Amino acid sequence: MEEYLHTLQPTRSTAMAQGKCVVCGGDASEFKDDISAKEYTISGLCQECQDEAFAPYDEDEDDES
């Protein structure tokens, strides 16, 4: 599976091998819990990018435009 993912996203495999985030390129070595650490093995997102990606949707933000 990893080999297949590498053909789709070579930067994902490279970033994760270096302990980096695939989105921001920042350090991805510290997570707030085991679930977040597991998510990194799936998505390659650091804690900060996970927090942003999985933040609750706020409908009021759409009304401000």
Protein backbone atom coordinates (compact mmCIF):
# COMPACT_ATOMS: atom_id res chain seq x y z
CA MET A 1 0.00 0.00 0.00
CA GLU A 2 2.80 2.45 0.90
CA GLU A 3 4.45 1.87 -2.49
CA TYR A 4 1.18 2.67 -4.25
CA LEU A 5 0.67 5.84 -2.19
CA HIS A 6 4.23 6.90 -3.00
CA THR A 7 3.44 6.72 -6.72
CA LEU A 8 0.51 9.07 -6.14
CA GLN A 9 2.21 11.40 -3.67
CA PRO A 10 5.97 10.99 -3.51
CA THR A 11 6.18 14.04 -1.26
CA ARG A 12 3.94 12.33 1.32
CA SER A 13 6.33 9.43 1.77
CA THR A 14 9.36 11.72 1.82
CA ALA A 15 7.82 14.13 4.32
CA MET A 16 6.65 11.36 6.63
CA ALA A 17 10.05 9.64 6.52
CA GLN A 18 11.51 12.92 7.75
CA GLY A 19 8.83 13.44 10.42
CA LYS A 20 7.40 16.45 8.58
CA CYS A 21 3.86 17.53 7.75
CA VAL A 22 2.80 16.97 4.14
CA VAL A 23 0.81 20.24 4.12
CA CYS A 24 2.93 22.85 5.92
CA GLY A 25 6.29 21.08 6.02
CA GLY A 26 6.56 21.69 9.75
CA ASP A 27 7.62 19.28 12.48
CA ALA A 28 5.26 16.38 13.02
CA SER A 29 6.75 14.73 16.07
CA GLU A 30 4.42 15.91 18.83
CA PHE A 31 0.72 15.11 19.04
CA LYS A 32 -1.86 15.81 21.72
CA ASP A 33 -3.10 12.22 21.90
CA ASP A 34 -2.73 8.73 20.42
CA ILE A 35 -5.58 9.31 17.95
CA SER A 36 -3.80 12.35 16.50
CA ALA A 37 -0.54 10.39 16.22
CA LYS A 38 -2.42 7.60 14.41
CA GLU A 39 -4.01 10.18 12.09
CA TYR A 40 -0.51 11.33 11.11
CA THR A 41 0.26 7.81 9.86
CA ILE A 42 -2.83 8.05 7.64
CA SER A 43 -2.88 11.65 6.42
CA GLY A 44 0.61 12.97 7.11
CA LEU A 45 -0.83 16.05 8.83
CA CYS A 46 0.95 17.60 11.82
CA GLN A 47 -1.08 18.48 14.93
CA GLU A 48 -1.64 22.08 13.85
CA CYS A 49 -2.85 21.07 10.37
CA GLN A 50 -5.08 18.37 11.88
CA ASP A 51 -6.62 20.92 14.23
CA GLU A 52 -7.36 23.19 11.28
CA ALA A 53 -8.60 20.43 8.97
CA PHE A 54 -10.87 18.81 11.54
CA ALA A 55 -12.13 21.94 13.27
CA PRO A 56 -15.89 22.09 13.79
CA TYR A 57 -17.72 23.90 11.00
CA ASP A 58 -19.03 27.30 12.07
CA GLU A 59 -22.00 28.37 9.95
CA ASP A 60 -21.75 31.94 11.28
CA GLU A 61 -18.40 32.39 9.48
CA ASP A 62 -20.22 32.06 6.12
CA ASP A 63 -22.65 34.81 7.08
CA GLU A 64 -19.82 37.33 7.61
CA SER A 65 -18.95 37.62 3.89
